[in-house]
Amino acid sequence: MAASAAAILDKMAERMATSLHKTAAINLVAIVILSRGKCSLSKCISVYLVGMAVADLMVVIISVILKWIGMIYFRGSFLHITPVCSCITSLNAAVTVVSVWFTVAFTFDRFVAICCEKLKNEYCTERTAAVVLGTVSVLGCLQSVPWYFTLNPVYIVDNVPWFCETKPSFRTSPALAAYDMYHLILTPCVPFCLILLLNVLTVRRILVSSRVRRALRARSNGENQSDPEMENRKKSIILLFSISGSFILLWLTQVVFYIYVRIADIQYYYSFSDPVYITQQTATMLQLLSSCTNTCIYVLTQNKFRKELKNAIHHGCSNLTFRFLTAPPHLESSRLLTNSQLDASMQVYSLPMKLMTWLQEKVRYTTTLSIKIPGIFPASLRQP
């Protein structure tokens, strides 16, 4: 049974490690492209999207690399020292809270932009977005600090505490129990309900305003014509609903599991085949998956983002091709080489060039190639 459990954990960690570099690369590409501000999005929206991409990247680094892969693959390393383990637990809670509430802040910003005309000009600004994201980050980190003090060492070897376990007083102390309930309500119950409520109100306002606007334009023009304002609003709404819908679907299992565990008062699972354990791991996997879906949503819903992504891949491939076309450093003294040696060296260096040429041809037919190869941007694309 123990060997089977270890095999299951190793398999899960291996799958996470396989997709880890892709997830990190996806978020990095999104940060670079959105920071350039050439996706036909307002500065306010761009600030929120960049903040969400950064928060998702931190989730990948802390929750996936340090907490999951580090704890499973590097057994007995410094990551298992109790202070380090406690810091990782606290940081994991912080980045999760920040990532979730960034999505709530973005949803509320779009709600204000669509449903509150008087407040729109004052609230939906780049400065307000930066202040909101900064405030959420600080509060999210502060409220996660108490998690550091809820853990005890399992062993003490040579005065060094190892591993982490929950304090026995965590379930009996009223203060710790209240904090645990507060954290459960704060994330994800309240964000889940807020996003649902804001989206319902936004949809209702859109339907009413679209009906009125369509009737007015038909009366003034005598026929239905294309409305640029409605087209722009439609793109913004598709982006909003895609991000919010993805969050709701991927967090739904976690929310239902949290509520069920509290109602049924389940504190332990008895084996790795226990349905409680399987549900918990599935919910965690879906939650972590939500940190890498936003960029895919941008690709599917935003034409300008796809164009910028394609240009980034094109410039990256051109950059690599130019590097391989130039003489490598050790061939600068080619006078010292014979013709056969020079030809052999250039044949070796021409292989990557041929690969880049093939990739450039493939870029014409797909924009998802950046997920398979890490993008290398020229100096002009690295500017904020």
Protein backbone atom coordinates (compact mmCIF):
# COMPACT_ATOMS: atom_id res chain seq x y z
CA MET A 1 0.00 0.00 0.00
CA ALA A 2 2.83 2.40 0.90
CA ALA A 3 4.65 1.63 -2.34
CA SER A 4 1.44 2.16 -4.29
CA ALA A 5 0.86 5.51 -2.58
CA ALA A 6 4.41 6.64 -3.30
CA ALA A 7 3.99 5.63 -6.95
CA ILE A 8 0.80 7.66 -7.20
CA LEU A 9 2.46 10.74 -5.72
CA ASP A 10 5.51 10.37 -7.95
CA LYS A 11 3.29 10.07 -11.03
CA MET A 12 1.35 13.20 -10.10
CA ALA A 13 4.54 15.17 -9.50
CA GLU A 14 6.02 13.92 -12.78
CA ARG A 15 2.99 15.12 -14.72
CA MET A 16 3.14 18.50 -13.00
CA ALA A 17 6.85 18.78 -13.76
CA THR A 18 6.22 17.94 -17.42
CA SER A 19 3.73 20.77 -17.87
CA LEU A 20 5.46 23.21 -15.51
CA HIS A 21 7.82 24.84 -18.03
CA LYS A 22 4.94 25.25 -20.47
CA THR A 23 2.78 26.97 -17.83
CA ALA A 24 5.57 29.32 -16.77
CA ALA A 25 6.42 30.11 -20.41
CA ILE A 26 2.77 30.81 -21.19
CA ASN A 27 2.45 33.30 -18.35
CA LEU A 28 5.76 34.98 -19.19
CA VAL A 29 4.74 35.41 -22.82
CA ALA A 30 1.41 36.90 -21.71
CA ILE A 31 3.15 39.35 -19.37
CA VAL A 32 5.51 40.53 -22.12
CA ILE A 33 2.81 40.92 -24.78
CA LEU A 34 0.25 42.63 -22.52
CA SER A 35 2.88 44.97 -21.06
CA ARG A 36 3.60 46.37 -24.52
CA GLY A 37 0.00 47.67 -24.73
CA LYS A 38 -0.58 46.78 -28.40
CA CYS A 39 -3.57 44.47 -27.99
CA SER A 40 -6.24 47.18 -28.54
CA LEU A 41 -7.20 47.00 -24.87
CA SER A 42 -7.57 49.98 -22.57
CA LYS A 43 -4.70 50.69 -20.20
CA CYS A 44 -6.93 49.83 -17.27
CA ILE A 45 -7.73 46.37 -18.64
CA SER A 46 -4.07 45.80 -19.56
CA VAL A 47 -2.97 46.55 -15.98
CA TYR A 48 -5.44 44.03 -14.59
CA LEU A 49 -4.47 41.36 -17.11
CA VAL A 50 -0.74 41.83 -16.44
CA GLY A 51 -1.39 41.64 -12.69
CA MET A 52 -3.38 38.45 -13.12
CA ALA A 53 -0.62 36.92 -15.26
CA VAL A 54 2.02 37.78 -12.64
CA ALA A 55 -0.15 36.33 -9.86
CA ASP A 56 -0.67 33.14 -11.86
CA LEU A 57 3.08 32.87 -12.43
CA MET A 58 3.67 33.15 -8.68
CA VAL A 59 1.13 30.36 -8.13
CA VAL A 60 3.12 28.16 -10.50
CA ILE A 61 6.42 28.94 -8.75
CA ILE A 62 5.26 28.64 -5.15
CA SER A 63 2.35 26.20 -5.24
CA VAL A 64 3.62 23.87 -7.98
CA ILE A 65 7.42 24.08 -7.82
CA LEU A 66 8.06 24.59 -4.13
CA LYS A 67 5.04 22.95 -2.51
CA TRP A 68 4.33 20.03 -4.83
CA ILE A 69 7.42 19.17 -6.85
CA GLY A 70 9.88 20.33 -4.20
CA MET A 71 8.21 18.45 -1.38
CA ILE A 72 7.83 15.21 -3.34
CA TYR A 73 11.02 15.02 -5.42
CA PHE A 74 13.45 16.60 -2.95
CA ARG A 75 12.71 14.61 0.17
CA GLY A 76 15.02 15.48 3.03
CA SER A 77 16.13 18.76 1.43
CA PHE A 78 16.05 22.18 3.08
CA LEU A 79 12.46 22.54 1.85
CA HIS A 80 11.42 20.13 4.60
CA ILE A 81 12.96 22.18 7.41
CA THR A 82 10.05 23.39 9.50
CA PRO A 83 10.60 27.18 9.11
CA VAL A 84 10.98 26.79 5.33
CA CYS A 85 7.99 24.48 5.11
CA SER A 86 5.94 26.96 7.16
CA CYS A 87 6.98 29.84 4.88
CA ILE A 88 5.97 27.87 1.80
CA THR A 89 2.57 27.12 3.35
CA SER A 90 2.03 30.79 4.18
CA LEU A 91 3.18 31.97 0.74
CA ASN A 92 0.99 29.38 -0.95
CA ALA A 93 -2.06 30.75 0.86
CA ALA A 94 -1.02 34.32 -0.01
CA VAL A 95 -0.55 33.79 -3.76
CA THR A 96 -3.81 31.83 -3.95
CA VAL A 97 -5.74 34.65 -2.26
CA VAL A 98 -4.09 37.31 -4.42
CA SER A 99 -4.71 35.40 -7.66
CA VAL A 100 -8.38 34.84 -6.83
CA TRP A 101 -9.07 38.41 -5.75
CA PHE A 102 -7.31 39.82 -8.82
CA THR A 103 -9.99 38.05 -10.85
CA VAL A 104 -12.68 39.58 -8.61
CA ALA A 105 -11.12 43.05 -9.02
CA PHE A 106 -11.08 42.69 -12.81
CA THR A 107 -14.72 41.53 -12.83
CA PHE A 108 -15.75 44.46 -10.64
CA ASP A 109 -13.89 46.91 -12.88
CA ARG A 110 -15.80 45.67 -15.94
CA PHE A 111 -19.05 45.84 -13.96
CA VAL A 112 -18.38 49.48 -13.14
CA ALA A 113 -17.43 50.25 -16.74
CA ILE A 114 -20.68 48.82 -18.07
CA CYS A 115 -23.24 49.43 -15.32
CA CYS A 116 -22.04 52.61 -13.57
CA GLU A 117 -21.60 55.41 -16.11
CA LYS A 118 -21.06 58.11 -13.50
CA LEU A 119 -18.33 56.19 -11.69
CA LYS A 120 -16.68 54.86 -14.86
CA ASN A 121 -14.43 57.83 -15.64
CA GLU A 122 -13.13 58.03 -12.07
CA TYR A 123 -12.71 54.35 -11.26
CA CYS A 124 -11.76 52.69 -14.57
CA THR A 125 -8.31 54.26 -14.85
CA GLU A 126 -4.78 52.91 -15.00
CA ARG A 127 -3.89 54.51 -11.66
CA THR A 128 -6.92 53.07 -9.88
CA ALA A 129 -6.17 49.62 -11.27
CA ALA A 130 -2.59 49.79 -9.98
CA VAL A 131 -3.78 50.93 -6.54
CA VAL A 132 -6.38 48.17 -6.35
CA LEU A 133 -3.89 45.46 -7.34
CA GLY A 134 -1.30 46.77 -4.89
CA THR A 135 -3.82 46.91 -2.04
CA VAL A 136 -5.07 43.40 -2.75
CA SER A 137 -1.48 42.09 -2.83
CA VAL A 138 -0.57 43.65 0.52
CA LEU A 139 -3.78 42.55 2.26
CA GLY A 140 -3.51 39.05 0.79
CA CYS A 141 0.03 38.64 2.13
CA LEU A 142 -0.84 40.04 5.55
CA GLN A 143 -3.88 37.86 6.09
CA SER A 144 -1.85 34.73 5.22
CA VAL A 145 0.88 35.34 7.83
CA PRO A 146 -0.96 33.43 10.64
CA TRP A 147 -0.65 30.20 8.66
CA TYR A 148 3.05 30.25 9.51
CA PHE A 149 2.22 29.77 13.21
CA THR A 150 -0.25 26.91 12.77
CA LEU A 151 2.45 24.29 12.09
CA ASN A 152 4.73 22.28 14.36
CA PRO A 153 7.85 20.23 13.54
CA VAL A 154 7.44 16.46 13.25
CA TYR A 155 11.04 15.63 14.20
CA ILE A 156 13.95 17.51 15.73
CA VAL A 157 17.34 16.16 14.63
CA ASP A 158 20.49 17.86 15.96
CA ASN A 159 18.40 20.83 17.08
CA VAL A 160 17.02 21.22 13.53
CA PRO A 161 13.21 20.96 13.21
CA TRP A 162 12.07 18.86 10.26
CA PHE A 163 8.74 18.59 8.40
CA CYS A 164 5.46 20.28 9.25
CA GLU A 165 2.27 19.12 10.85
CA THR A 166 -0.78 21.03 12.00
CA LYS A 167 -0.81 21.96 15.66
CA PRO A 168 -3.25 19.94 17.79
CA SER A 169 -4.71 23.20 19.05
CA PHE A 170 -5.71 24.18 15.51
CA ARG A 171 -9.03 22.35 15.85
CA THR A 172 -9.58 23.10 19.53
CA SER A 173 -8.51 26.76 19.72
CA PRO A 174 -11.46 29.11 19.06
CA ALA A 175 -9.12 31.75 17.59
CA LEU A 176 -7.47 29.35 15.12
CA ALA A 177 -10.81 27.76 14.24
CA ALA A 178 -12.26 31.22 13.58
CA TYR A 179 -9.26 32.12 11.41
CA ASP A 180 -9.63 28.90 9.43
CA MET A 181 -13.32 29.64 8.83
CA TYR A 182 -12.48 33.24 7.90
CA HIS A 183 -9.94 32.05 5.35
CA LEU A 184 -12.43 29.58 3.91
CA ILE A 185 -15.05 32.31 3.51
CA LEU A 186 -12.52 34.80 2.11
CA THR A 187 -11.19 32.32 -0.46
CA PRO A 188 -12.94 30.94 -2.36
CA CYS A 189 -16.57 31.28 -1.18
CA VAL A 190 -16.94 35.08 -1.27
CA PRO A 191 -15.07 35.54 -4.61
CA PHE A 192 -17.10 32.72 -6.14
CA CYS A 193 -20.40 34.36 -5.16
CA LEU A 194 -19.21 37.86 -6.10
CA ILE A 195 -18.13 36.85 -9.58
CA LEU A 196 -21.44 35.09 -10.18
CA LEU A 197 -23.43 38.10 -8.92
CA LEU A 198 -21.43 40.69 -10.87
CA ASN A 199 -21.67 38.69 -14.08
CA VAL A 200 -25.44 38.29 -13.71
CA LEU A 201 -25.86 42.05 -13.16
CA THR A 202 -23.54 42.81 -16.08
CA VAL A 203 -25.43 40.49 -18.42
CA ARG A 204 -28.74 42.05 -17.46
CA ARG A 205 -27.42 45.56 -18.08
CA ILE A 206 -25.91 44.54 -21.42
CA LEU A 207 -29.15 43.00 -22.63
CA VAL A 208 -31.20 46.06 -21.68
CA SER A 209 -28.76 48.61 -23.12
CA SER A 210 -28.22 46.61 -26.30
CA ARG A 211 -31.96 46.37 -26.91
CA VAL A 212 -32.45 50.13 -26.37
CA ARG A 213 -29.41 51.09 -28.46
CA ARG A 214 -30.45 48.82 -31.32
CA ALA A 215 -33.94 50.31 -31.33
CA LEU A 216 -32.61 53.89 -31.34
CA ARG A 217 -30.18 53.23 -34.18
CA ALA A 218 -32.87 51.47 -36.21
CA ARG A 219 -35.21 54.43 -35.70
CA SER A 220 -32.59 57.05 -36.63
CA ASN A 221 -31.00 55.19 -39.56
CA GLY A 222 -34.05 53.36 -40.77
CA GLU A 223 -32.17 50.04 -40.77
CA ASN A 224 -29.80 48.05 -38.63
CA GLN A 225 -26.17 48.99 -39.24
CA SER A 226 -22.93 47.93 -37.64
CA ASP A 227 -22.32 49.62 -34.29
CA PRO A 228 -18.60 50.12 -33.45
CA GLU A 229 -19.44 50.80 -29.80
CA MET A 230 -21.32 47.52 -29.48
CA GLU A 231 -18.53 45.65 -31.25
CA ASN A 232 -15.94 46.96 -28.80
CA ARG A 233 -18.23 46.19 -25.89
CA LYS A 234 -18.81 42.71 -27.24
CA LYS A 235 -15.07 41.96 -27.31
CA SER A 236 -14.67 43.22 -23.74
CA ILE A 237 -17.60 41.12 -22.56
CA ILE A 238 -16.32 37.98 -24.25
CA LEU A 239 -12.98 38.44 -22.49
CA LEU A 240 -14.67 39.07 -19.14
CA PHE A 241 -17.03 36.10 -19.34
CA SER A 242 -14.28 33.79 -20.58
CA ILE A 243 -12.01 34.59 -17.64
CA SER A 244 -14.84 34.55 -15.08
CA GLY A 245 -16.35 31.37 -16.51
CA SER A 246 -13.00 29.60 -16.48
CA PHE A 247 -12.45 30.61 -12.86
CA ILE A 248 -15.91 29.40 -11.81
CA LEU A 249 -15.63 26.05 -13.57
CA LEU A 250 -12.11 25.26 -12.33
CA TRP A 251 -12.84 26.35 -8.74
CA LEU A 252 -16.29 24.73 -8.52
CA THR A 253 -14.96 21.35 -7.37
CA GLN A 254 -12.80 23.00 -4.70
CA VAL A 255 -15.68 25.09 -3.36
CA VAL A 256 -18.07 22.13 -3.20
CA PHE A 257 -15.38 19.98 -1.55
CA TYR A 258 -14.65 22.64 1.09
CA ILE A 259 -18.33 22.93 1.96
CA TYR A 260 -18.82 19.16 2.08
CA VAL A 261 -15.78 18.63 4.32
CA ARG A 262 -17.03 21.28 6.76
CA ILE A 263 -20.57 19.95 6.89
CA ALA A 264 -19.51 16.30 7.22
CA ASP A 265 -16.66 17.23 9.63
CA ILE A 266 -14.10 15.13 7.71
CA GLN A 267 -10.56 15.58 9.02
CA TYR A 268 -8.70 12.51 7.71
CA TYR A 269 -8.67 10.11 4.79
CA TYR A 270 -7.91 6.44 5.34
CA SER A 271 -6.12 5.44 2.14
CA PHE A 272 -4.99 6.83 -1.19
CA SER A 273 -7.98 5.13 -2.80
CA ASP A 274 -10.37 6.93 -0.46
CA PRO A 275 -12.89 9.02 -2.48
CA VAL A 276 -12.18 11.96 -0.15
CA TYR A 277 -8.49 11.88 -1.05
CA ILE A 278 -9.19 11.49 -4.78
CA THR A 279 -11.66 14.39 -4.72
CA GLN A 280 -9.22 16.58 -2.80
CA GLN A 281 -6.39 15.94 -5.26
CA THR A 282 -8.67 16.47 -8.26
CA ALA A 283 -9.93 19.76 -6.84
CA THR A 284 -6.36 20.92 -6.20
CA MET A 285 -5.30 19.95 -9.73
CA LEU A 286 -8.18 21.94 -11.25
CA GLN A 287 -7.40 24.91 -8.99
CA LEU A 288 -3.77 24.95 -10.11
CA LEU A 289 -4.88 24.55 -13.71
CA SER A 290 -6.75 27.85 -13.42
CA SER A 291 -3.37 29.60 -13.19
CA CYS A 292 -2.50 28.82 -16.83
CA THR A 293 -5.80 29.15 -18.69
CA ASN A 294 -6.02 32.93 -19.02
CA THR A 295 -3.38 33.15 -21.75
CA CYS A 296 -5.20 30.49 -23.75
CA ILE A 297 -8.35 32.60 -23.35
CA TYR A 298 -6.51 35.67 -24.68
CA VAL A 299 -5.40 33.69 -27.73
CA LEU A 300 -8.92 32.46 -28.43
CA THR A 301 -10.78 35.74 -27.85
CA GLN A 302 -8.39 38.57 -28.79
CA ASN A 303 -7.29 39.05 -32.41
CA LYS A 304 -4.62 41.60 -31.49
CA PHE A 305 -3.14 39.30 -28.87
CA ARG A 306 -2.88 36.51 -31.45
CA LYS A 307 -1.19 38.92 -33.84
CA GLU A 308 1.32 40.04 -31.20
CA LEU A 309 1.98 36.44 -30.23
CA LYS A 310 2.61 35.53 -33.84
CA ASN A 311 4.97 38.50 -34.28
CA ALA A 312 6.84 37.52 -31.12
CA ILE A 313 7.36 33.99 -32.42
CA HIS A 314 8.39 35.32 -35.83
CA HIS A 315 10.93 37.74 -34.34
CA GLY A 316 12.18 35.06 -31.97
CA CYS A 317 12.74 32.64 -34.83
CA SER A 318 14.39 35.37 -36.92
CA ASN A 319 16.67 36.23 -34.02
CA LEU A 320 17.79 32.63 -33.63
CA THR A 321 18.26 32.25 -37.36
CA PHE A 322 20.44 35.36 -37.49
CA ARG A 323 22.57 34.04 -34.62
CA PHE A 324 23.17 30.76 -36.38
CA LEU A 325 23.86 32.51 -39.69
CA THR A 326 26.67 34.51 -38.11
CA ALA A 327 29.98 32.78 -37.54
CA PRO A 328 30.31 31.15 -34.11
CA PRO A 329 33.04 32.54 -31.80
CA HIS A 330 35.48 29.70 -32.28
CA LEU A 331 35.25 30.09 -36.08
CA GLU A 332 36.51 33.67 -36.00
CA SER A 333 39.97 32.21 -36.38
CA SER A 334 38.84 30.11 -39.34
CA ARG A 335 42.13 30.75 -41.07
CA LEU A 336 43.62 28.17 -38.73
CA LEU A 337 41.10 25.53 -39.89
CA THR A 338 41.28 23.44 -42.99
CA ASN A 339 38.52 23.60 -45.56
CA SER A 340 37.10 20.21 -44.54
CA GLN A 341 37.03 21.19 -40.85
CA LEU A 342 35.34 24.50 -41.69
CA ASP A 343 32.71 22.76 -43.84
CA ALA A 344 31.98 20.22 -41.09
CA SER A 345 31.58 22.95 -38.47
CA MET A 346 29.24 24.99 -40.65
CA GLN A 347 27.13 21.91 -41.36
CA VAL A 348 26.65 21.41 -37.63
CA TYR A 349 25.64 25.04 -37.16
CA SER A 350 23.29 24.94 -40.16
CA LEU A 351 21.05 22.32 -38.54
CA PRO A 352 19.44 24.74 -36.02
CA MET A 353 19.02 27.25 -38.86
CA LYS A 354 17.06 24.68 -40.87
CA LEU A 355 14.95 23.93 -37.79
CA MET A 356 14.13 27.63 -37.34
CA THR A 357 13.18 27.90 -41.02
CA TRP A 358 10.80 24.97 -40.62
CA LEU A 359 9.27 26.58 -37.52
CA GLN A 360 8.72 29.84 -39.38
CA GLU A 361 6.73 27.96 -42.00
CA LYS A 362 4.61 26.36 -39.27
CA VAL A 363 3.93 29.72 -37.63
CA ARG A 364 1.92 30.73 -40.68
CA TYR A 365 -0.67 28.09 -39.86
CA THR A 366 -0.83 28.16 -36.06
CA THR A 367 -0.35 30.58 -33.22
CA THR A 368 -0.10 27.96 -30.53
CA LEU A 369 3.49 27.02 -31.34
CA SER A 370 4.78 29.29 -28.55
CA ILE A 371 3.49 26.76 -26.03
CA LYS A 372 5.86 24.16 -27.49
CA ILE A 373 8.98 26.31 -27.84
CA PRO A 374 10.23 29.04 -25.50
CA GLY A 375 9.99 32.44 -27.17
CA ILE A 376 13.17 34.53 -27.40
CA PHE A 377 12.30 38.17 -27.94
CA PRO A 378 14.53 40.81 -29.51
CA ALA A 379 15.52 43.92 -27.58
CA SER A 380 12.58 45.94 -28.93
CA LEU A 381 10.07 43.43 -27.51
CA ARG A 382 11.64 43.42 -24.08
CA GLN A 383 10.76 47.04 -23.49
CA PRO A 384 7.75 47.61 -21.20
